[in-house]
Amino acid sequence: DIYHMQIMEGDVIRTIRDNIQWIGHFHTGGVPGRHEIDGTQELNYHAVAKAIADLDYQGYIAHEFMPAGPDPFAAFADAYKICTV
């Protein structure tokens, strides 16, 4: 849970790199508020996704967030673009 990694530890990319062998899947969540994972959030999800891809991770990354805007499908499409590396 990338959201909780940020809340609990703050050093998300290092935590992922140090523990990738124990990670079965990832899911996103904007910090704060679990909203869109765009530039208004604390985490740079594009950098996080690149770090995960650089580790040759072959599992799943799920988007778990509550869109704040009027179009949840557009928010999901934006999240997909952000995490595509």
N, C-alpha and C. Protein backbone atom coordinates (compact mmCIF):
# COMPACT_ATOMS: atom_id res chain seq x y z
N ASP A 1 0.86 -1.17 0.00
CA ASP A 1 0.00 0.00 0.00
C ASP A 1 0.90 1.23 0.00
N ILE A 2 1.05 1.84 -1.14
CA ILE A 2 1.95 2.99 -1.29
C ILE A 2 1.49 4.15 -0.43
N TYR A 3 0.19 4.32 -0.30
CA TYR A 3 -0.36 5.38 0.56
C TYR A 3 0.18 5.23 1.98
N HIS A 4 0.07 4.03 2.54
CA HIS A 4 0.52 3.83 3.92
C HIS A 4 2.04 3.86 4.05
N MET A 5 2.76 3.46 3.00
CA MET A 5 4.22 3.61 3.04
C MET A 5 4.58 5.07 3.26
N GLN A 6 3.90 5.97 2.54
CA GLN A 6 4.18 7.40 2.67
C GLN A 6 3.79 7.90 4.05
N ILE A 7 2.63 7.49 4.54
CA ILE A 7 2.15 7.95 5.85
C ILE A 7 3.08 7.46 6.96
N MET A 8 3.49 6.18 6.88
CA MET A 8 4.24 5.57 7.98
C MET A 8 5.75 5.80 7.91
N GLU A 9 6.33 5.81 6.72
CA GLU A 9 7.77 5.89 6.61
C GLU A 9 8.26 7.11 5.85
N GLY A 10 7.56 7.47 4.79
CA GLY A 10 7.93 8.65 4.03
C GLY A 10 8.93 8.42 2.92
N ASP A 11 9.76 7.41 3.01
CA ASP A 11 10.77 7.15 1.98
C ASP A 11 10.30 5.97 1.13
N VAL A 12 9.32 6.23 0.29
CA VAL A 12 8.61 5.18 -0.44
C VAL A 12 9.53 4.41 -1.38
N ILE A 13 10.29 5.10 -2.19
CA ILE A 13 11.12 4.42 -3.19
C ILE A 13 12.18 3.55 -2.52
N ARG A 14 12.83 4.05 -1.49
CA ARG A 14 13.81 3.23 -0.78
C ARG A 14 13.15 2.01 -0.14
N THR A 15 11.98 2.19 0.45
CA THR A 15 11.27 1.08 1.07
C THR A 15 10.93 0.02 0.03
N ILE A 16 10.48 0.44 -1.14
CA ILE A 16 10.17 -0.51 -2.21
C ILE A 16 11.43 -1.25 -2.64
N ARG A 17 12.50 -0.52 -2.88
CA ARG A 17 13.75 -1.16 -3.31
C ARG A 17 14.27 -2.16 -2.27
N ASP A 18 14.17 -1.79 -1.00
CA ASP A 18 14.69 -2.66 0.06
C ASP A 18 13.82 -3.89 0.31
N ASN A 19 12.56 -3.84 -0.11
CA ASN A 19 11.63 -4.91 0.24
C ASN A 19 10.89 -5.54 -0.94
N ILE A 20 11.35 -5.31 -2.15
CA ILE A 20 10.62 -5.77 -3.33
C ILE A 20 10.37 -7.27 -3.30
N GLN A 21 11.27 -8.04 -2.73
CA GLN A 21 11.09 -9.50 -2.72
C GLN A 21 9.89 -9.93 -1.87
N TRP A 22 9.40 -9.05 -1.01
CA TRP A 22 8.26 -9.38 -0.14
C TRP A 22 6.94 -8.79 -0.63
N ILE A 23 6.98 -8.05 -1.71
CA ILE A 23 5.79 -7.31 -2.16
C ILE A 23 5.05 -8.12 -3.21
N GLY A 24 3.78 -8.43 -2.94
CA GLY A 24 2.96 -9.20 -3.85
C GLY A 24 2.18 -8.35 -4.83
N HIS A 25 1.80 -7.17 -4.44
CA HIS A 25 1.12 -6.23 -5.32
C HIS A 25 1.22 -4.83 -4.70
N PHE A 26 0.94 -3.83 -5.50
CA PHE A 26 0.92 -2.44 -5.05
C PHE A 26 -0.46 -1.87 -5.29
N HIS A 27 -0.85 -0.92 -4.47
CA HIS A 27 -1.98 -0.09 -4.85
C HIS A 27 -1.71 1.35 -4.43
N THR A 28 -2.24 2.25 -5.24
CA THR A 28 -1.98 3.67 -5.09
C THR A 28 -3.04 4.32 -4.22
N GLY A 29 -2.74 5.49 -3.78
CA GLY A 29 -3.69 6.33 -3.05
C GLY A 29 -3.04 7.69 -2.88
N GLY A 30 -3.74 8.73 -3.24
CA GLY A 30 -3.18 10.07 -3.10
C GLY A 30 -2.98 10.43 -1.64
N VAL A 31 -1.89 11.13 -1.38
CA VAL A 31 -1.59 11.60 -0.03
C VAL A 31 -1.50 13.11 -0.09
N PRO A 32 -2.35 13.84 0.61
CA PRO A 32 -3.37 13.39 1.56
C PRO A 32 -4.70 13.08 0.88
N GLY A 33 -5.54 12.41 1.58
CA GLY A 33 -6.94 12.25 1.21
C GLY A 33 -7.31 11.13 0.28
N ARG A 34 -6.35 10.36 -0.22
CA ARG A 34 -6.62 9.27 -1.16
C ARG A 34 -7.36 9.75 -2.41
N HIS A 35 -7.04 10.95 -2.84
CA HIS A 35 -7.67 11.49 -4.05
C HIS A 35 -6.80 11.18 -5.26
N GLU A 36 -7.03 11.89 -6.34
CA GLU A 36 -6.27 11.67 -7.57
C GLU A 36 -4.77 11.67 -7.27
N ILE A 37 -4.02 10.90 -8.05
CA ILE A 37 -2.57 10.82 -7.82
C ILE A 37 -1.84 11.80 -8.74
N ASP A 38 -2.34 13.00 -8.79
CA ASP A 38 -1.80 14.03 -9.68
C ASP A 38 -0.77 14.89 -8.96
N GLY A 39 -0.41 16.00 -9.57
CA GLY A 39 0.61 16.89 -9.03
C GLY A 39 0.23 17.63 -7.77
N THR A 40 -1.00 17.50 -7.30
CA THR A 40 -1.40 18.17 -6.06
C THR A 40 -1.08 17.33 -4.82
N GLN A 41 -0.58 16.13 -5.03
CA GLN A 41 -0.33 15.21 -3.93
C GLN A 41 1.14 15.22 -3.50
N GLU A 42 1.44 14.66 -2.33
CA GLU A 42 2.81 14.60 -1.81
C GLU A 42 3.70 13.69 -2.64
N LEU A 43 3.15 12.62 -3.17
CA LEU A 43 3.95 11.64 -3.88
C LEU A 43 4.02 11.93 -5.37
N ASN A 44 5.20 11.69 -5.93
CA ASN A 44 5.38 11.74 -7.37
C ASN A 44 5.21 10.30 -7.86
N TYR A 45 3.99 9.94 -8.20
CA TYR A 45 3.71 8.55 -8.57
C TYR A 45 4.42 8.13 -9.85
N HIS A 46 4.74 9.05 -10.73
CA HIS A 46 5.50 8.66 -11.92
C HIS A 46 6.88 8.15 -11.51
N ALA A 47 7.53 8.84 -10.57
CA ALA A 47 8.84 8.40 -10.07
C ALA A 47 8.72 7.08 -9.33
N VAL A 48 7.66 6.90 -8.55
CA VAL A 48 7.45 5.64 -7.85
C VAL A 48 7.25 4.51 -8.85
N ALA A 49 6.43 4.73 -9.88
CA ALA A 49 6.18 3.71 -10.89
C ALA A 49 7.47 3.37 -11.64
N LYS A 50 8.29 4.36 -11.92
CA LYS A 50 9.56 4.10 -12.60
C LYS A 50 10.48 3.26 -11.73
N ALA A 51 10.54 3.56 -10.44
CA ALA A 51 11.37 2.77 -9.53
C ALA A 51 10.89 1.31 -9.49
N ILE A 52 9.59 1.11 -9.47
CA ILE A 52 9.03 -0.25 -9.47
C ILE A 52 9.38 -0.96 -10.78
N ALA A 53 9.22 -0.27 -11.89
CA ALA A 53 9.53 -0.86 -13.20
C ALA A 53 11.02 -1.18 -13.30
N ASP A 54 11.87 -0.32 -12.77
CA ASP A 54 13.32 -0.55 -12.81
C ASP A 54 13.72 -1.80 -12.05
N LEU A 55 12.89 -2.24 -11.12
CA LEU A 55 13.16 -3.47 -10.36
C LEU A 55 12.63 -4.70 -11.09
N ASP A 56 12.12 -4.50 -12.30
CA ASP A 56 11.57 -5.58 -13.12
C ASP A 56 10.40 -6.28 -12.44
N TYR A 57 9.62 -5.52 -11.69
CA TYR A 57 8.44 -6.05 -11.01
C TYR A 57 7.41 -6.49 -12.06
N GLN A 58 6.90 -7.69 -11.93
CA GLN A 58 5.96 -8.25 -12.91
C GLN A 58 4.54 -8.39 -12.36
N GLY A 59 4.29 -7.91 -11.16
CA GLY A 59 2.98 -8.07 -10.55
C GLY A 59 2.01 -6.96 -10.92
N TYR A 60 1.04 -6.77 -10.07
CA TYR A 60 -0.03 -5.81 -10.32
C TYR A 60 0.16 -4.52 -9.53
N ILE A 61 -0.29 -3.44 -10.15
CA ILE A 61 -0.42 -2.15 -9.47
C ILE A 61 -1.86 -1.72 -9.67
N ALA A 62 -2.58 -1.56 -8.57
CA ALA A 62 -3.99 -1.17 -8.63
C ALA A 62 -4.13 0.29 -8.19
N HIS A 63 -5.06 0.97 -8.80
CA HIS A 63 -5.35 2.35 -8.42
C HIS A 63 -6.53 2.37 -7.47
N GLU A 64 -6.25 2.70 -6.24
CA GLU A 64 -7.31 2.79 -5.23
C GLU A 64 -7.35 4.22 -4.73
N PHE A 65 -8.26 4.98 -5.24
CA PHE A 65 -8.37 6.37 -4.82
C PHE A 65 -9.78 6.85 -5.06
N MET A 66 -10.12 7.97 -4.45
CA MET A 66 -11.44 8.56 -4.58
C MET A 66 -11.32 9.83 -5.42
N PRO A 67 -11.75 9.78 -6.66
CA PRO A 67 -11.66 10.99 -7.49
C PRO A 67 -12.41 12.16 -6.87
N ALA A 68 -11.76 13.31 -6.86
CA ALA A 68 -12.38 14.50 -6.28
C ALA A 68 -13.14 15.31 -7.32
N GLY A 69 -12.82 15.11 -8.59
CA GLY A 69 -13.45 15.87 -9.66
C GLY A 69 -14.73 15.24 -10.15
N PRO A 70 -15.34 15.86 -11.15
CA PRO A 70 -16.64 15.41 -11.65
C PRO A 70 -16.58 14.17 -12.54
N ASP A 71 -15.39 13.81 -13.05
CA ASP A 71 -15.30 12.70 -13.99
C ASP A 71 -14.33 11.63 -13.48
N PRO A 72 -14.85 10.61 -12.80
CA PRO A 72 -13.97 9.58 -12.25
C PRO A 72 -13.22 8.79 -13.33
N PHE A 73 -13.80 8.65 -14.51
CA PHE A 73 -13.12 7.92 -15.58
C PHE A 73 -11.91 8.70 -16.10
N ALA A 74 -12.03 10.02 -16.17
CA ALA A 74 -10.89 10.85 -16.57
C ALA A 74 -9.79 10.79 -15.51
N ALA A 75 -10.18 10.77 -14.24
CA ALA A 75 -9.20 10.67 -13.16
C ALA A 75 -8.46 9.34 -13.24
N PHE A 76 -9.17 8.26 -13.54
CA PHE A 76 -8.52 6.96 -13.68
C PHE A 76 -7.58 6.96 -14.89
N ALA A 77 -8.01 7.54 -15.99
CA ALA A 77 -7.17 7.62 -17.18
C ALA A 77 -5.89 8.40 -16.88
N ASP A 78 -6.01 9.48 -16.12
CA ASP A 78 -4.83 10.26 -15.74
C ASP A 78 -3.91 9.43 -14.85
N ALA A 79 -4.46 8.68 -13.91
CA ALA A 79 -3.65 7.82 -13.04
C ALA A 79 -2.91 6.77 -13.87
N TYR A 80 -3.58 6.22 -14.86
CA TYR A 80 -2.95 5.23 -15.71
C TYR A 80 -1.76 5.85 -16.47
N LYS A 81 -1.95 7.06 -16.98
CA LYS A 81 -0.86 7.75 -17.70
C LYS A 81 0.31 8.04 -16.77
N ILE A 82 0.02 8.47 -15.56
CA ILE A 82 1.07 8.79 -14.60
C ILE A 82 1.92 7.56 -14.28
N CYS A 83 1.28 6.41 -14.19
CA CYS A 83 1.99 5.18 -13.80
C CYS A 83 2.54 4.39 -14.98
N THR A 84 2.32 4.87 -16.18
CA THR A 84 2.89 4.20 -17.34
C THR A 84 4.29 4.72 -17.58
N VAL A 85 5.27 3.82 -17.46
CA VAL A 85 6.67 4.24 -17.61
C VAL A 85 7.36 3.37 -18.65
